Amino acid sequence: MEQFSTRQNKISKLVHREMADILLKVNKTQFAGKLISVTVVRVTKDLGIARVYLSIFPSEFAKEILKEIQLISKQLRGELGRKVGKSLRVIPDLEFYIDDSLDYIENIDNLLKV
């Protein structure tokens, strides 16, 4: 298990909170009827990259929505910069991934029911 510094954890929490807020606003306009939530944010040691893990429901739209979010990642980073610019010197680049842990848990549950 990778050990994170206090600074990494603080930045992760800050980015997590703000990205959740930003995606909530984007969700209302671009992805109406879909639920997008930020589950985890991990920041690299050099604080240059924030890996944002998203849970998307319904999951059959996950790959399509992830591609659209990746296309607008520069705008999302700009919005993040406007929100946390006073707190961070360098705004990390954003990388988006699907967090499929809920699907994995559901699959395990279904297997155990059999």
PDB file of N, CA and C in Angstrom:
ATOM      1  N   MET A   1       0.848  -1.185   0.000  1.00  0.00           N
ATOM      2  CA  MET A   1       0.000   0.000   0.000  1.00  0.00           C
ATOM      3  C   MET A   1       0.885   1.237   0.000  1.00  0.00           C
ATOM      4  N   GLU A   2       0.576   2.144  -0.874  1.00  0.00           N
ATOM      5  CA  GLU A   2       1.378   3.357  -0.998  1.00  0.00           C
ATOM      6  C   GLU A   2       1.066   4.314   0.149  1.00  0.00           C
ATOM      7  N   GLN A   3       2.102   4.913   0.699  1.00  0.00           N
ATOM      8  CA  GLN A   3       1.950   5.855   1.799  1.00  0.00           C
ATOM      9  C   GLN A   3       1.848   7.266   1.230  1.00  0.00           C
ATOM     10  N   PHE A   4       0.847   8.015   1.667  1.00  0.00           N
ATOM     11  CA  PHE A   4       0.657   9.379   1.184  1.00  0.00           C
ATOM     12  C   PHE A   4       1.067  10.368   2.259  1.00  0.00           C
ATOM     13  N   SER A   5       1.664  11.478   1.820  1.00  0.00           N
ATOM     14  CA  SER A   5       2.071  12.513   2.763  1.00  0.00           C
ATOM     15  C   SER A   5       0.851  13.311   3.206  1.00  0.00           C
ATOM     16  N   THR A   6       1.010  14.059   4.276  1.00  0.00           N
ATOM     17  CA  THR A   6      -0.061  14.901   4.776  1.00  0.00           C
ATOM     18  C   THR A   6      -0.484  15.908   3.713  1.00  0.00           C
ATOM     19  N   ARG A   7       0.491  16.467   3.018  1.00  0.00           N
ATOM     20  CA  ARG A   7       0.199  17.443   1.954  1.00  0.00           C
ATOM     21  C   ARG A   7      -0.618  16.791   0.829  1.00  0.00           C
ATOM     22  N   GLN A   8      -0.234  15.591   0.417  1.00  0.00           N
ATOM     23  CA  GLN A   8      -0.987  14.875  -0.617  1.00  0.00           C
ATOM     24  C   GLN A   8      -2.425  14.640  -0.177  1.00  0.00           C
ATOM     25  N   ASN A   9      -2.595  14.239   1.082  1.00  0.00           N
ATOM     26  CA  ASN A   9      -3.939  13.976   1.596  1.00  0.00           C
ATOM     27  C   ASN A   9      -4.789  15.240   1.627  1.00  0.00           C
ATOM     28  N   LYS A  10      -4.192  16.363   2.050  1.00  0.00           N
ATOM     29  CA  LYS A  10      -4.928  17.623   2.089  1.00  0.00           C
ATOM     30  C   LYS A  10      -5.355  18.056   0.693  1.00  0.00           C
ATOM     31  N   ILE A  11      -4.448  17.960  -0.261  1.00  0.00           N
ATOM     32  CA  ILE A  11      -4.762  18.350  -1.631  1.00  0.00           C
ATOM     33  C   ILE A  11      -5.793  17.400  -2.227  1.00  0.00           C
ATOM     34  N   SER A  12      -5.672  16.111  -1.940  1.00  0.00           N
ATOM     35  CA  SER A  12      -6.650  15.130  -2.419  1.00  0.00           C
ATOM     36  C   SER A  12      -8.050  15.476  -1.931  1.00  0.00           C
ATOM     37  N   LYS A  13      -8.167  15.791  -0.651  1.00  0.00           N
ATOM     38  CA  LYS A  13      -9.475  16.135  -0.082  1.00  0.00           C
ATOM     39  C   LYS A  13     -10.028  17.416  -0.703  1.00  0.00           C
ATOM     40  N   LEU A  14      -9.158  18.406  -0.894  1.00  0.00           N
ATOM     41  CA  LEU A  14      -9.577  19.669  -1.488  1.00  0.00           C
ATOM     42  C   LEU A  14     -10.061  19.459  -2.923  1.00  0.00           C
ATOM     43  N   VAL A  15      -9.284  18.743  -3.713  1.00  0.00           N
ATOM     44  CA  VAL A  15      -9.655  18.467  -5.107  1.00  0.00           C
ATOM     45  C   VAL A  15     -10.929  17.625  -5.157  1.00  0.00           C
ATOM     46  N   HIS A  16     -11.036  16.644  -4.258  1.00  0.00           N
ATOM     47  CA  HIS A  16     -12.222  15.784  -4.199  1.00  0.00           C
ATOM     48  C   HIS A  16     -13.481  16.624  -3.979  1.00  0.00           C
ATOM     49  N   ARG A  17     -13.439  17.487  -2.985  1.00  0.00           N
ATOM     50  CA  ARG A  17     -14.598  18.313  -2.642  1.00  0.00           C
ATOM     51  C   ARG A  17     -14.979  19.247  -3.796  1.00  0.00           C
ATOM     52  N   GLU A  18     -13.979  19.916  -4.360  1.00  0.00           N
ATOM     53  CA  GLU A  18     -14.256  20.881  -5.421  1.00  0.00           C
ATOM     54  C   GLU A  18     -14.680  20.204  -6.723  1.00  0.00           C
ATOM     55  N   MET A  19     -14.051  19.059  -7.073  1.00  0.00           N
ATOM     56  CA  MET A  19     -14.433  18.356  -8.304  1.00  0.00           C
ATOM     57  C   MET A  19     -15.853  17.811  -8.190  1.00  0.00           C
ATOM     58  N   ALA A  20     -16.237  17.365  -7.007  1.00  0.00           N
ATOM     59  CA  ALA A  20     -17.606  16.889  -6.807  1.00  0.00           C
ATOM     60  C   ALA A  20     -18.586  18.024  -7.075  1.00  0.00           C
ATOM     61  N   ASP A  21     -18.259  19.220  -6.593  1.00  0.00           N
ATOM     62  CA  ASP A  21     -19.105  20.390  -6.801  1.00  0.00           C
ATOM     63  C   ASP A  21     -19.163  20.779  -8.277  1.00  0.00           C
ATOM     64  N   ILE A  22     -18.013  20.782  -8.938  1.00  0.00           N
ATOM     65  CA  ILE A  22     -17.939  21.141 -10.364  1.00  0.00           C
ATOM     66  C   ILE A  22     -18.720  20.135 -11.203  1.00  0.00           C
ATOM     67  N   LEU A  23     -18.518  18.848 -10.939  1.00  0.00           N
ATOM     68  CA  LEU A  23     -19.207  17.819 -11.716  1.00  0.00           C
ATOM     69  C   LEU A  23     -20.708  17.817 -11.462  1.00  0.00           C
ATOM     70  N   LEU A  24     -21.125  18.237 -10.290  1.00  0.00           N
ATOM     71  CA  LEU A  24     -22.551  18.354 -10.008  1.00  0.00           C
ATOM     72  C   LEU A  24     -23.184  19.377 -10.950  1.00  0.00           C
ATOM     73  N   LYS A  25     -22.493  20.508 -11.140  1.00  0.00           N
ATOM     74  CA  LYS A  25     -23.001  21.542 -12.049  1.00  0.00           C
ATOM     75  C   LYS A  25     -22.972  21.075 -13.499  1.00  0.00           C
ATOM     76  N   VAL A  26     -21.890  20.398 -13.902  1.00  0.00           N
ATOM     77  CA  VAL A  26     -21.779  19.878 -15.270  1.00  0.00           C
ATOM     78  C   VAL A  26     -22.841  18.805 -15.494  1.00  0.00           C
ATOM     79  N   ASN A  27     -23.079  17.993 -14.482  1.00  0.00           N
ATOM     80  CA  ASN A  27     -24.045  16.901 -14.577  1.00  0.00           C
ATOM     81  C   ASN A  27     -25.444  17.428 -14.892  1.00  0.00           C
ATOM     82  N   LYS A  28     -25.821  18.542 -14.281  1.00  0.00           N
ATOM     83  CA  LYS A  28     -27.151  19.105 -14.500  1.00  0.00           C
ATOM     84  C   LYS A  28     -27.358  19.516 -15.950  1.00  0.00           C
ATOM     85  N   THR A  29     -26.299  20.001 -16.600  1.00  0.00           N
ATOM     86  CA  THR A  29     -26.451  20.493 -17.968  1.00  0.00           C
ATOM     87  C   THR A  29     -26.157  19.432 -19.017  1.00  0.00           C
ATOM     88  N   GLN A  30     -25.070  18.681 -18.860  1.00  0.00           N
ATOM     89  CA  GLN A  30     -24.636  17.759 -19.905  1.00  0.00           C
ATOM     90  C   GLN A  30     -25.106  16.324 -19.732  1.00  0.00           C
ATOM     91  N   PHE A  31     -25.241  15.881 -18.511  1.00  0.00           N
ATOM     92  CA  PHE A  31     -25.538  14.461 -18.264  1.00  0.00           C
ATOM     93  C   PHE A  31     -26.815  14.297 -17.448  1.00  0.00           C
ATOM     94  N   ALA A  32     -27.858  15.017 -17.836  1.00  0.00           N
ATOM     95  CA  ALA A  32     -29.121  14.955 -17.084  1.00  0.00           C
ATOM     96  C   ALA A  32     -29.620  13.509 -17.017  1.00  0.00           C
ATOM     97  N   GLY A  33     -30.083  13.131 -15.835  1.00  0.00           N
ATOM     98  CA  GLY A  33     -30.595  11.778 -15.646  1.00  0.00           C
ATOM     99  C   GLY A  33     -29.540  10.759 -15.265  1.00  0.00           C
ATOM    100  N   LYS A  34     -28.281  11.170 -15.226  1.00  0.00           N
ATOM    101  CA  LYS A  34     -27.185  10.276 -14.836  1.00  0.00           C
ATOM    102  C   LYS A  34     -26.631  10.756 -13.493  1.00  0.00           C
ATOM    103  N   LEU A  35     -26.115   9.835 -12.723  1.00  0.00           N
ATOM    104  CA  LEU A  35     -25.527  10.174 -11.434  1.00  0.00           C
ATOM    105  C   LEU A  35     -24.016   9.991 -11.529  1.00  0.00           C
ATOM    106  N   ILE A  36     -23.292  11.075 -11.340  1.00  0.00           N
ATOM    107  CA  ILE A  36     -21.824  11.029 -11.376  1.00  0.00           C
ATOM    108  C   ILE A  36     -21.322  11.494 -10.020  1.00  0.00           C
ATOM    109  N   SER A  37     -20.532  10.652  -9.366  1.00  0.00           N
ATOM    110  CA  SER A  37     -19.966  11.059  -8.086  1.00  0.00           C
ATOM    111  C   SER A  37     -18.471  10.765  -8.059  1.00  0.00           C
ATOM    112  N   VAL A  38     -17.759  11.625  -7.366  1.00  0.00           N
ATOM    113  CA  VAL A  38     -16.315  11.456  -7.198  1.00  0.00           C
ATOM    114  C   VAL A  38     -16.120  10.553  -5.990  1.00  0.00           C
ATOM    115  N   THR A  39     -15.499   9.394  -6.203  1.00  0.00           N
ATOM    116  CA  THR A  39     -15.311   8.464  -5.091  1.00  0.00           C
ATOM    117  C   THR A  39     -13.956   8.647  -4.412  1.00  0.00           C
ATOM    118  N   VAL A  40     -12.903   8.797  -5.211  1.00  0.00           N
ATOM    119  CA  VAL A  40     -11.550   8.913  -4.659  1.00  0.00           C
ATOM    120  C   VAL A  40     -10.750   9.878  -5.529  1.00  0.00           C
ATOM    121  N   VAL A  41      -9.881  10.648  -4.898  1.00  0.00           N
ATOM    122  CA  VAL A  41      -8.896  11.446  -5.628  1.00  0.00           C
ATOM    123  C   VAL A  41      -7.539  11.109  -5.044  1.00  0.00           C
ATOM    124  N   ARG A  42      -6.610  10.732  -5.913  1.00  0.00           N
ATOM    125  CA  ARG A  42      -5.235  10.435  -5.479  1.00  0.00           C
ATOM    126  C   ARG A  42      -4.294  11.384  -6.195  1.00  0.00           C
ATOM    127  N   VAL A  43      -3.453  12.051  -5.425  1.00  0.00           N
ATOM    128  CA  VAL A  43      -2.507  13.019  -5.973  1.00  0.00           C
ATOM    129  C   VAL A  43      -1.116  12.392  -5.958  1.00  0.00           C
ATOM    130  N   THR A  44      -0.373  12.567  -7.062  1.00  0.00           N
ATOM    131  CA  THR A  44       0.983  12.023  -7.144  1.00  0.00           C
ATOM    132  C   THR A  44       1.901  12.745  -6.158  1.00  0.00           C
ATOM    133  N   LYS A  45       3.051  12.136  -5.891  1.00  0.00           N
ATOM    134  CA  LYS A  45       3.994  12.703  -4.917  1.00  0.00           C
ATOM    135  C   LYS A  45       4.449  14.114  -5.282  1.00  0.00           C
ATOM    136  N   ASP A  46       4.615  14.366  -6.588  1.00  0.00           N
ATOM    137  CA  ASP A  46       5.052  15.705  -7.003  1.00  0.00           C
ATOM    138  C   ASP A  46       3.892  16.698  -7.088  1.00  0.00           C
ATOM    139  N   LEU A  47       2.683  16.249  -6.724  1.00  0.00           N
ATOM    140  CA  LEU A  47       1.471  17.060  -6.688  1.00  0.00           C
ATOM    141  C   LEU A  47       1.072  17.578  -8.069  1.00  0.00           C
ATOM    142  N   GLY A  48       1.596  16.968  -9.120  1.00  0.00           N
ATOM    143  CA  GLY A  48       1.346  17.432 -10.483  1.00  0.00           C
ATOM    144  C   GLY A  48       0.145  16.792 -11.151  1.00  0.00           C
ATOM    145  N   ILE A  49      -0.272  15.630 -10.667  1.00  0.00           N
ATOM    146  CA  ILE A  49      -1.393  14.918 -11.287  1.00  0.00           C
ATOM    147  C   ILE A  49      -2.369  14.487 -10.204  1.00  0.00           C
ATOM    148  N   ALA A  50      -3.644  14.765 -10.451  1.00  0.00           N
ATOM    149  CA  ALA A  50      -4.701  14.276  -9.565  1.00  0.00           C
ATOM    150  C   ALA A  50      -5.489  13.239 -10.349  1.00  0.00           C
ATOM    151  N   ARG A  51      -5.523  12.022  -9.837  1.00  0.00           N
ATOM    152  CA  ARG A  51      -6.292  10.954 -10.470  1.00  0.00           C
ATOM    153  C   ARG A  51      -7.666  10.913  -9.797  1.00  0.00           C
ATOM    154  N   VAL A  52      -8.684  11.229 -10.584  1.00  0.00           N
ATOM    155  CA  VAL A  52     -10.049  11.342 -10.066  1.00  0.00           C
ATOM    156  C   VAL A  52     -10.826  10.106 -10.490  1.00  0.00           C
ATOM    157  N   TYR A  53     -11.328   9.366  -9.504  1.00  0.00           N
ATOM    158  CA  TYR A  53     -12.100   8.155  -9.769  1.00  0.00           C
ATOM    159  C   TYR A  53     -13.584   8.488  -9.636  1.00  0.00           C
ATOM    160  N   LEU A  54     -14.335   8.147 -10.678  1.00  0.00           N
ATOM    161  CA  LEU A  54     -15.745   8.494 -10.745  1.00  0.00           C
ATOM    162  C   LEU A  54     -16.617   7.246 -10.692  1.00  0.00           C
ATOM    163  N   SER A  55     -17.706   7.357  -9.966  1.00  0.00           N
ATOM    164  CA  SER A  55     -18.732   6.325  -9.968  1.00  0.00           C
ATOM    165  C   SER A  55     -19.882   6.878 -10.801  1.00  0.00           C
ATOM    166  N   ILE A  56     -20.279   6.156 -11.839  1.00  0.00           N
ATOM    167  CA  ILE A  56     -21.293   6.631 -12.764  1.00  0.00           C
ATOM    168  C   ILE A  56     -22.457   5.650 -12.766  1.00  0.00           C
ATOM    169  N   PHE A  57     -23.660   6.201 -12.579  1.00  0.00           N
ATOM    170  CA  PHE A  57     -24.858   5.369 -12.571  1.00  0.00           C
ATOM    171  C   PHE A  57     -25.878   5.962 -13.528  1.00  0.00           C
ATOM    172  N   PRO A  58     -26.532   5.214 -14.354  1.00  0.00           N
ATOM    173  CA  PRO A  58     -26.396   3.779 -14.572  1.00  0.00           C
ATOM    174  C   PRO A  58     -25.070   3.439 -15.252  1.00  0.00           C
ATOM    175  N   SER A  59     -24.498   2.320 -14.860  1.00  0.00           N
ATOM    176  CA  SER A  59     -23.128   1.987 -15.270  1.00  0.00           C
ATOM    177  C   SER A  59     -22.991   1.659 -16.746  1.00  0.00           C
ATOM    178  N   GLU A  60     -24.091   1.384 -17.460  1.00  0.00           N
ATOM    179  CA  GLU A  60     -23.953   1.097 -18.894  1.00  0.00           C
ATOM    180  C   GLU A  60     -23.541   2.341 -19.690  1.00  0.00           C
ATOM    181  N   PHE A  61     -23.687   3.530 -19.096  1.00  0.00           N
ATOM    182  CA  PHE A  61     -23.267   4.768 -19.756  1.00  0.00           C
ATOM    183  C   PHE A  61     -21.880   5.216 -19.306  1.00  0.00           C
ATOM    184  N   ALA A  62     -21.235   4.458 -18.440  1.00  0.00           N
ATOM    185  CA  ALA A  62     -19.997   4.891 -17.792  1.00  0.00           C
ATOM    186  C   ALA A  62     -18.893   5.233 -18.785  1.00  0.00           C
ATOM    187  N   LYS A  63     -18.615   4.355 -19.745  1.00  0.00           N
ATOM    188  CA  LYS A  63     -17.506   4.605 -20.677  1.00  0.00           C
ATOM    189  C   LYS A  63     -17.776   5.823 -21.548  1.00  0.00           C
ATOM    190  N   GLU A  64     -19.007   5.959 -21.997  1.00  0.00           N
ATOM    191  CA  GLU A  64     -19.395   7.092 -22.837  1.00  0.00           C
ATOM    192  C   GLU A  64     -19.251   8.416 -22.070  1.00  0.00           C
ATOM    193  N   ILE A  65     -19.734   8.439 -20.830  1.00  0.00           N
ATOM    194  CA  ILE A  65     -19.644   9.650 -20.013  1.00  0.00           C
ATOM    195  C   ILE A  65     -18.195   9.955 -19.659  1.00  0.00           C
ATOM    196  N   LEU A  66     -17.411   8.920 -19.349  1.00  0.00           N
ATOM    197  CA  LEU A  66     -15.995   9.120 -19.035  1.00  0.00           C
ATOM    198  C   LEU A  66     -15.271   9.765 -20.210  1.00  0.00           C
ATOM    199  N   LYS A  67     -15.542   9.314 -21.437  1.00  0.00           N
ATOM    200  CA  LYS A  67     -14.913   9.910 -22.622  1.00  0.00           C
ATOM    201  C   LYS A  67     -15.273  11.384 -22.748  1.00  0.00           C
ATOM    202  N   GLU A  68     -16.542  11.720 -22.514  1.00  0.00           N
ATOM    203  CA  GLU A  68     -16.961  13.119 -22.597  1.00  0.00           C
ATOM    204  C   GLU A  68     -16.287  13.963 -21.527  1.00  0.00           C
ATOM    205  N   ILE A  69     -16.157  13.417 -20.322  1.00  0.00           N
ATOM    206  CA  ILE A  69     -15.492  14.147 -19.238  1.00  0.00           C
ATOM    207  C   ILE A  69     -14.020  14.342 -19.573  1.00  0.00           C
ATOM    208  N   GLN A  70     -13.375  13.321 -20.151  1.00  0.00           N
ATOM    209  CA  GLN A  70     -11.966  13.455 -20.532  1.00  0.00           C
ATOM    210  C   GLN A  70     -11.791  14.522 -21.602  1.00  0.00           C
ATOM    211  N   LEU A  71     -12.770  14.665 -22.493  1.00  0.00           N
ATOM    212  CA  LEU A  71     -12.699  15.696 -23.528  1.00  0.00           C
ATOM    213  C   LEU A  71     -12.763  17.106 -22.941  1.00  0.00           C
ATOM    214  N   ILE A  72     -13.492  17.271 -21.848  1.00  0.00           N
ATOM    215  CA  ILE A  72     -13.609  18.600 -21.241  1.00  0.00           C
ATOM    216  C   ILE A  72     -12.714  18.756 -20.008  1.00  0.00           C
ATOM    217  N   SER A  73     -11.725  17.873 -19.876  1.00  0.00           N
ATOM    218  CA  SER A  73     -10.878  17.907 -18.675  1.00  0.00           C
ATOM    219  C   SER A  73     -10.111  19.223 -18.532  1.00  0.00           C
ATOM    220  N   LYS A  74      -9.737  19.847 -19.643  1.00  0.00           N
ATOM    221  CA  LYS A  74      -9.021  21.141 -19.566  1.00  0.00           C
ATOM    222  C   LYS A  74      -9.935  22.215 -18.964  1.00  0.00           C
ATOM    223  N   GLN A  75     -11.211  22.226 -19.397  1.00  0.00           N
ATOM    224  CA  GLN A  75     -12.152  23.191 -18.827  1.00  0.00           C
ATOM    225  C   GLN A  75     -12.400  22.908 -17.348  1.00  0.00           C
ATOM    226  N   LEU A  76     -12.481  21.614 -16.997  1.00  0.00           N
ATOM    227  CA  LEU A  76     -12.678  21.248 -15.598  1.00  0.00           C
ATOM    228  C   LEU A  76     -11.479  21.680 -14.751  1.00  0.00           C
ATOM    229  N   ARG A  77     -10.283  21.524 -15.306  1.00  0.00           N
ATOM    230  CA  ARG A  77      -9.076  21.954 -14.588  1.00  0.00           C
ATOM    231  C   ARG A  77      -9.079  23.471 -14.411  1.00  0.00           C
ATOM    232  N   GLY A  78      -9.519  24.192 -15.452  1.00  0.00           N
ATOM    233  CA  GLY A  78      -9.614  25.649 -15.357  1.00  0.00           C
ATOM    234  C   GLY A  78     -10.593  26.076 -14.281  1.00  0.00           C
ATOM    235  N   GLU A  79     -11.733  25.409 -14.227  1.00  0.00           N
ATOM    236  CA  GLU A  79     -12.733  25.712 -13.194  1.00  0.00           C
ATOM    237  C   GLU A  79     -12.179  25.383 -11.806  1.00  0.00           C
ATOM    238  N   LEU A  80     -11.471  24.257 -11.693  1.00  0.00           N
ATOM    239  CA  LEU A  80     -10.835  23.892 -10.427  1.00  0.00           C
ATOM    240  C   LEU A  80      -9.831  24.976 -10.026  1.00  0.00           C
ATOM    241  N   GLY A  81      -9.063  25.463 -10.991  1.00  0.00           N
ATOM    242  CA  GLY A  81      -8.082  26.518 -10.722  1.00  0.00           C
ATOM    243  C   GLY A  81      -8.734  27.782 -10.192  1.00  0.00           C
ATOM    244  N   ARG A  82      -9.892  28.140 -10.750  1.00  0.00           N
ATOM    245  CA  ARG A  82     -10.606  29.328 -10.266  1.00  0.00           C
ATOM    246  C   ARG A  82     -11.084  29.139  -8.830  1.00  0.00           C
ATOM    247  N   LYS A  83     -11.433  27.904  -8.478  1.00  0.00           N
ATOM    248  CA  LYS A  83     -11.964  27.654  -7.136  1.00  0.00           C
ATOM    249  C   LYS A  83     -10.863  27.526  -6.077  1.00  0.00           C
ATOM    250  N   VAL A  84      -9.741  26.895  -6.432  1.00  0.00           N
ATOM    251  CA  VAL A  84      -8.703  26.626  -5.420  1.00  0.00           C
ATOM    252  C   VAL A  84      -7.402  27.378  -5.691  1.00  0.00           C
ATOM    253  N   GLY A  85      -7.429  28.313  -6.607  1.00  0.00           N
ATOM    254  CA  GLY A  85      -6.219  29.051  -6.978  1.00  0.00           C
ATOM    255  C   GLY A  85      -5.537  29.744  -5.817  1.00  0.00           C
ATOM    256  N   LYS A  86      -6.322  30.151  -4.824  1.00  0.00           N
ATOM    257  CA  LYS A  86      -5.749  30.828  -3.658  1.00  0.00           C
ATOM    258  C   LYS A  86      -5.074  29.832  -2.706  1.00  0.00           C
ATOM    259  N   SER A  87      -5.500  28.570  -2.775  1.00  0.00           N
ATOM    260  CA  SER A  87      -4.976  27.553  -1.857  1.00  0.00           C
ATOM    261  C   SER A  87      -3.781  26.792  -2.427  1.00  0.00           C
ATOM    262  N   LEU A  88      -3.727  26.664  -3.760  1.00  0.00           N
ATOM    263  CA  LEU A  88      -2.667  25.885  -4.399  1.00  0.00           C
ATOM    264  C   LEU A  88      -1.861  26.752  -5.350  1.00  0.00           C
ATOM    265  N   ARG A  89      -0.557  26.558  -5.334  1.00  0.00           N
ATOM    266  CA  ARG A  89       0.291  27.275  -6.283  1.00  0.00           C
ATOM    267  C   ARG A  89       0.158  26.693  -7.680  1.00  0.00           C
ATOM    268  N   VAL A  90       0.179  25.368  -7.745  1.00  0.00           N
ATOM    269  CA  VAL A  90       0.082  24.670  -9.028  1.00  0.00           C
ATOM    270  C   VAL A  90      -1.179  23.815  -9.004  1.00  0.00           C
ATOM    271  N   ILE A  91      -2.019  24.004 -10.024  1.00  0.00           N
ATOM    272  CA  ILE A  91      -3.228  23.194 -10.133  1.00  0.00           C
ATOM    273  C   ILE A  91      -2.829  21.890 -10.819  1.00  0.00           C
ATOM    274  N   PRO A  92      -3.097  20.740 -10.188  1.00  0.00           N
ATOM    275  CA  PRO A  92      -2.680  19.472 -10.804  1.00  0.00           C
ATOM    276  C   PRO A  92      -3.448  19.165 -12.084  1.00  0.00           C
ATOM    277  N   ASP A  93      -2.785  18.462 -13.010  1.00  0.00           N
ATOM    278  CA  ASP A  93      -3.478  17.948 -14.186  1.00  0.00           C
ATOM    279  C   ASP A  93      -4.470  16.900 -13.707  1.00  0.00           C
ATOM    280  N   LEU A  94      -5.584  16.793 -14.402  1.00  0.00           N
ATOM    281  CA  LEU A  94      -6.621  15.858 -13.988  1.00  0.00           C
ATOM    282  C   LEU A  94      -6.644  14.647 -14.903  1.00  0.00           C
ATOM    283  N   GLU A  95      -6.676  13.479 -14.305  1.00  0.00           N
ATOM    284  CA  GLU A  95      -6.863  12.222 -15.035  1.00  0.00           C
ATOM    285  C   GLU A  95      -8.105  11.575 -14.450  1.00  0.00           C
ATOM    286  N   PHE A  96      -9.014  11.157 -15.324  1.00  0.00           N
ATOM    287  CA  PHE A  96     -10.277  10.580 -14.872  1.00  0.00           C
ATOM    288  C   PHE A  96     -10.322   9.086 -15.147  1.00  0.00           C
ATOM    289  N   TYR A  97     -10.829   8.344 -14.167  1.00  0.00           N
ATOM    290  CA  TYR A  97     -10.966   6.895 -14.275  1.00  0.00           C
ATOM    291  C   TYR A  97     -12.336   6.495 -13.739  1.00  0.00           C
ATOM    292  N   ILE A  98     -12.810   5.348 -14.191  1.00  0.00           N
ATOM    293  CA  ILE A  98     -14.063   4.810 -13.668  1.00  0.00           C
ATOM    294  C   ILE A  98     -13.750   3.989 -12.424  1.00  0.00           C
ATOM    295  N   ASP A  99     -14.465   4.274 -11.355  1.00  0.00           N
ATOM    296  CA  ASP A  99     -14.367   3.469 -10.136  1.00  0.00           C
ATOM    297  C   ASP A  99     -15.481   2.438 -10.200  1.00  0.00           C
ATOM    298  N   ASP A 100     -15.116   1.221 -10.526  1.00  0.00           N
ATOM    299  CA  ASP A 100     -16.126   0.179 -10.688  1.00  0.00           C
ATOM    300  C   ASP A 100     -16.244  -0.721  -9.457  1.00  0.00           C
ATOM    301  N   SER A 101     -15.832  -0.216  -8.311  1.00  0.00           N
ATOM    302  CA  SER A 101     -15.868  -1.037  -7.097  1.00  0.00           C
ATOM    303  C   SER A 101     -17.295  -1.405  -6.706  1.00  0.00           C
ATOM    304  N   LEU A 102     -18.276  -0.528  -6.957  1.00  0.00           N
ATOM    305  CA  LEU A 102     -19.662  -0.859  -6.623  1.00  0.00           C
ATOM    306  C   LEU A 102     -20.174  -1.994  -7.500  1.00  0.00           C
ATOM    307  N   ASP A 103     -19.800  -1.973  -8.793  1.00  0.00           N
ATOM    308  CA  ASP A 103     -20.182  -3.077  -9.686  1.00  0.00           C
ATOM    309  C   ASP A 103     -19.533  -4.380  -9.233  1.00  0.00           C
ATOM    310  N   TYR A 104     -18.280  -4.278  -8.788  1.00  0.00           N
ATOM    311  CA  TYR A 104     -17.544  -5.442  -8.310  1.00  0.00           C
ATOM    312  C   TYR A 104     -18.232  -6.035  -7.074  1.00  0.00           C
ATOM    313  N   ILE A 105     -18.629  -5.170  -6.145  1.00  0.00           N
ATOM    314  CA  ILE A 105     -19.311  -5.620  -4.928  1.00  0.00           C
ATOM    315  C   ILE A 105     -20.635  -6.276  -5.278  1.00  0.00           C
ATOM    316  N   GLU A 106     -21.379  -5.660  -6.210  1.00  0.00           N
ATOM    317  CA  GLU A 106     -22.666  -6.220  -6.637  1.00  0.00           C
ATOM    318  C   GLU A 106     -22.473  -7.594  -7.276  1.00  0.00           C
ATOM    319  N   ASN A 107     -21.418  -7.733  -8.068  1.00  0.00           N
ATOM    320  CA  ASN A 107     -21.112  -9.007  -8.712  1.00  0.00           C
ATOM    321  C   ASN A 107     -20.809 -10.083  -7.664  1.00  0.00           C
ATOM    322  N   ILE A 108     -20.027  -9.732  -6.662  1.00  0.00           N
ATOM    323  CA  ILE A 108     -19.695 -10.668  -5.580  1.00  0.00           C
ATOM    324  C   ILE A 108     -20.973 -11.082  -4.843  1.00  0.00           C
ATOM    325  N   ASP A 109     -21.842 -10.101  -4.539  1.00  0.00           N
ATOM    326  CA  ASP A 109     -23.121 -10.409  -3.893  1.00  0.00           C
ATOM    327  C   ASP A 109     -23.938 -11.397  -4.705  1.00  0.00           C
ATOM    328  N   ASN A 110     -24.011 -11.148  -6.002  1.00  0.00           N
ATOM    329  CA  ASN A 110     -24.778 -12.049  -6.881  1.00  0.00           C
ATOM    330  C   ASN A 110     -24.181 -13.451  -6.910  1.00  0.00           C
ATOM    331  N   LEU A 111     -22.867 -13.543  -6.896  1.00  0.00           N
ATOM    332  CA  LEU A 111     -22.215 -14.840  -6.884  1.00  0.00           C
ATOM    333  C   LEU A 111     -22.467 -15.588  -5.580  1.00  0.00           C
ATOM    334  N   LEU A 112     -22.514 -14.849  -4.479  1.00  0.00           N
ATOM    335  CA  LEU A 112     -22.741 -15.471  -3.180  1.00  0.00           C
ATOM    336  C   LEU A 112     -24.187 -15.933  -2.997  1.00  0.00           C
ATOM    337  N   LYS A 113     -25.112 -15.281  -3.702  1.00  0.00           N
ATOM    338  CA  LYS A 113     -26.532 -15.652  -3.599  1.00  0.00           C
ATOM    339  C   LYS A 113     -26.840 -16.975  -4.294  1.00  0.00           C
ATOM    340  N   VAL A 114     -25.997 -17.351  -5.252  1.00  0.00           N
ATOM    341  CA  VAL A 114     -26.250 -18.557  -6.031  1.00  0.00           C
ATOM    342  C   VAL A 114     -26.027 -19.809  -5.226  1.00  0.00           C
TER     343      VAL A 114
END
